[in-house]
Protein backbone atom coordinates (compact mmCIF):
# COMPACT_ATOMS: atom_id res chain seq x y z
CA MET A 1 -16.60 -82.96 -16.11
CA LYS A 2 -14.66 -80.11 -17.73
CA LYS A 3 -17.62 -78.19 -18.89
CA GLU A 4 -19.08 -78.43 -15.38
CA ILE A 5 -15.90 -76.66 -13.89
CA SER A 6 -15.78 -74.01 -16.59
CA SER A 7 -19.23 -73.09 -16.26
CA PHE A 8 -18.94 -73.00 -12.78
CA PHE A 9 -16.22 -70.17 -13.01
CA ARG A 10 -17.53 -68.34 -15.83
CA PRO A 11 -20.37 -66.32 -14.04
CA LYS A 12 -17.76 -64.90 -11.44
CA VAL A 13 -15.52 -63.93 -14.36
CA GLN A 14 -18.35 -62.04 -16.21
CA PHE A 15 -19.43 -60.36 -12.73
CA TYR A 16 -15.71 -59.16 -12.28
CA ARG A 17 -15.62 -57.80 -15.73
CA VAL A 18 -18.87 -56.05 -15.50
CA SER A 19 -17.88 -54.67 -11.92
CA PHE A 20 -14.55 -53.54 -13.50
CA PHE A 21 -16.12 -51.58 -16.51
CA VAL A 22 -18.89 -49.99 -14.03
CA LEU A 23 -16.13 -48.63 -11.84
CA PHE A 24 -14.21 -47.58 -14.80
CA LEU A 25 -17.26 -45.68 -16.03
CA ILE A 26 -17.80 -44.03 -12.69
CA ALA A 27 -14.08 -43.02 -12.49
CA SER A 28 -14.05 -41.57 -15.72
CA SER A 29 -17.22 -39.59 -15.15
CA CYS A 30 -15.70 -38.43 -11.98
CA PHE A 31 -12.49 -37.38 -13.81
CA LEU A 32 -14.34 -35.55 -16.73
CA PHE A 33 -16.47 -33.75 -14.07
CA SER A 34 -13.59 -32.24 -12.44
CA VAL A 35 -11.82 -31.17 -15.33
CA VAL A 36 -14.85 -29.38 -16.40
CA HIS A 37 -15.42 -27.76 -13.21
CA TYR A 38 -11.91 -26.64 -12.62
CA ARG A 39 -11.71 -25.26 -16.25
CA LYS A 40 -14.78 -23.20 -15.42
CA GLU A 41 -13.14 -21.88 -12.06
CA ILE A 42 -9.84 -20.99 -14.03
CA ILE A 43 -12.04 -19.13 -16.64
CA GLN A 44 -13.65 -17.32 -13.71
CA PHE A 45 -10.38 -16.49 -11.93
CA THR A 46 -8.88 -15.19 -15.29
CA GLU A 47 -11.99 -12.71 -15.79
CA ASN A 48 -11.72 -11.55 -12.22
CA GLU A 49 -7.88 -10.82 -12.64
CA LYS A 50 -8.83 -8.67 -15.83
CA VAL A 51 -11.53 -6.70 -13.88
CA LEU A 52 -9.07 -6.15 -10.90
CA ASN A 53 -6.36 -5.15 -13.03
CA GLY A 54 -8.59 -2.63 -14.77
CA LYS A 55 -9.76 -1.28 -11.47
CA VAL A 56 -5.91 -0.87 -10.44
CA GLU A 57 -5.34 1.11 -13.49
CA GLU A 58 -8.38 3.40 -12.87
CA LEU A 59 -7.18 3.92 -9.46
CA THR A 60 -3.51 4.67 -10.31
CA LYS A 61 -4.80 7.20 -13.10
CA GLU A 62 -7.10 8.85 -10.51
CA ASN A 63 -4.26 8.97 -7.92
CA ASP A 64 -1.90 10.55 -10.51
CA GLY A 65 -4.62 12.99 -11.44
CA LEU A 66 -5.12 14.02 -7.78
CA LYS A 67 -1.35 14.58 -7.14
CA ALA A 68 -1.23 16.73 -10.15
CA SER A 69 -4.43 18.82 -9.17
CA SER A 70 -3.16 19.12 -5.57
CA PRO A 71 0.70 20.28 -5.50
CA ASN A 72 0.18 21.68 -2.04
CA VAL A 73 -0.65 18.17 -0.57
CA VAL A 74 2.30 16.25 0.92
CA TRP A 75 2.16 12.85 -0.56
CA MET A 76 3.73 9.90 1.68
CA GLN A 77 6.03 8.81 -0.91
CA SER A 78 7.52 12.13 -1.50
CA LEU A 79 8.18 12.67 2.20
CA HIS A 80 11.96 13.61 2.80
CA GLN A 81 14.01 14.31 5.71
CA PRO A 82 13.84 17.86 7.16
CA LYS A 83 16.51 19.90 5.34
CA LEU A 84 19.14 22.29 6.94
CA SER A 85 19.33 25.69 5.52
CA SER A 86 22.35 26.46 3.54
CA GLN A 87 23.66 28.68 6.23
CA GLU A 88 23.51 25.80 8.90
CA ILE A 89 25.41 23.43 6.24
CA GLN A 90 27.96 26.01 5.81
CA ASN A 91 28.53 26.41 9.53
CA LEU A 92 28.76 22.67 10.02
CA LYS A 93 31.33 22.49 6.92
CA LYS A 94 33.38 25.11 8.59
CA LYS A 95 33.63 22.82 11.58
CA GLY A 96 35.25 19.97 9.56
CA LEU A 97 32.12 18.02 8.19
CA LYS A 98 32.47 17.38 4.48
CA ASN A 99 29.01 16.32 4.08
CA PRO A 100 27.17 17.41 7.30
CA VAL A 101 24.02 15.36 7.35
CA ASN A 102 25.70 12.13 6.08
CA ASP A 103 28.57 12.55 8.48
CA ILE A 104 26.19 13.15 11.44
CA VAL A 105 23.97 10.11 10.49
CA ALA A 106 27.22 7.91 9.97
CA ASP A 107 28.56 9.23 13.16
CA LEU A 108 25.47 8.28 15.25
CA ILE A 109 25.22 4.81 13.81
CA LYS A 110 28.51 3.94 15.35
CA HIS A 111 27.25 4.83 18.94
CA SER A 112 24.82 2.25 19.96
CA GLU A 113 25.82 2.79 23.47
CA LEU A 114 23.76 5.82 23.64
CA ILE A 115 20.65 3.64 23.56
CA PRO A 116 19.40 3.28 26.99
CA TYR A 117 17.54 -0.03 26.59
CA GLN A 118 18.79 -3.65 26.56
CA GLY A 119 18.29 -5.86 23.59
CA THR A 120 15.59 -8.74 23.85
CA LEU A 121 15.80 -12.41 22.68
CA GLY A 122 19.47 -11.90 22.02
CA GLY A 123 19.22 -8.97 19.81
CA LYS A 124 21.60 -5.94 20.18
CA MET A 125 20.18 -2.41 20.17
CA GLY A 126 21.48 -0.24 17.37
CA PHE A 127 20.77 2.56 14.89
CA TYR A 128 20.23 0.14 11.76
CA SER A 129 18.17 2.29 9.34
CA GLU A 130 19.79 5.62 8.11
CA LYS A 131 16.51 6.40 6.55
CA ASP A 132 15.06 6.72 10.21
CA ILE A 133 17.71 9.01 11.44
CA TYR A 134 16.41 12.71 10.76
CA VAL A 135 19.06 15.66 11.25
CA LEU A 136 16.50 18.38 12.59
CA SER A 137 18.86 21.17 13.00
CA THR A 138 22.52 22.10 13.93
CA LYS A 139 21.80 20.65 17.37
CA LEU A 140 19.08 18.09 17.32
CA VAL A 141 18.76 14.47 15.79
CA ARG A 142 15.58 12.37 15.95
CA ALA A 143 16.48 8.72 15.53
CA SER A 144 14.88 5.22 15.57
CA PHE A 145 16.78 2.30 17.01
CA GLU A 146 15.87 -1.46 17.37
CA ASP A 147 17.24 -4.96 18.27
CA GLY A 148 15.20 -6.85 15.72
CA HIS A 149 12.34 -7.52 18.21
CA THR A 150 11.83 -4.18 20.00
CA GLY A 151 12.41 -0.68 18.90
CA GLY A 152 11.82 2.77 19.79
CA TRP A 153 12.92 6.60 19.09
CA MET A 154 15.13 8.96 20.80
CA LEU A 155 15.78 12.64 20.66
CA LEU A 156 19.56 13.44 20.89
CA GLU A 157 21.44 16.75 21.01
CA TYR A 158 24.94 16.68 19.20
CA GLN A 159 27.92 19.11 19.00
CA VAL A 160 30.49 19.07 16.34
CA MET A 161 33.79 19.50 17.85
CA ASP A 162 37.29 20.04 16.42
CA LYS A 163 38.71 17.63 13.99
CA ASN A 164 35.26 16.19 12.67
CA LYS A 165 34.38 14.74 16.33
CA ILE A 166 30.89 14.75 17.33
CA SER A 167 29.73 14.61 20.89
CA TRP A 168 26.12 13.34 21.73
CA LYS A 169 23.59 13.70 24.54
CA VAL A 170 20.43 11.76 24.72
CA LEU A 171 17.49 14.10 25.58
CA GLU A 172 14.59 11.91 25.42
CA SER A 173 13.93 8.05 24.39
CA TYR A 174 10.99 5.63 24.47
CA LEU A 175 10.22 2.06 23.43
CA GLU A 176 7.25 1.54 21.04
């Protein structure tokens, strides 16, 4: 009777062992296939990166060559603010400004009340970027303003009064 019971269960155990072994082989094959496939992709990406880095290097050299061969062309990264003449700077210094351009820019930044637009979405309009304030002459300034969401430009007239005081008048403004 014991033999009958053990022989009854034996085919099921062998079936489970064979099934497990087959599933293990399938899973192992899938894993190996994935490893080989992704390794090929990594090699391809590395080769593409080398090619692209070579192209960047070539274009950088070409760009440098163009800059050197065309000194009369104004390049974007070399753009600067308009410069006041030495005579204009001297006149502004006589009116009490130690560093005229910086003093004018610093004073304008304090006067956000000149901006004729309300901020949106809780923002407050102001002159937040010194590099976007251009002293054009001894009377004119072009400045950008923003609130973090909306911005624009304005043209202002200024006058240096006694004791370093600067008065401002908005000539034109618009939102972008």
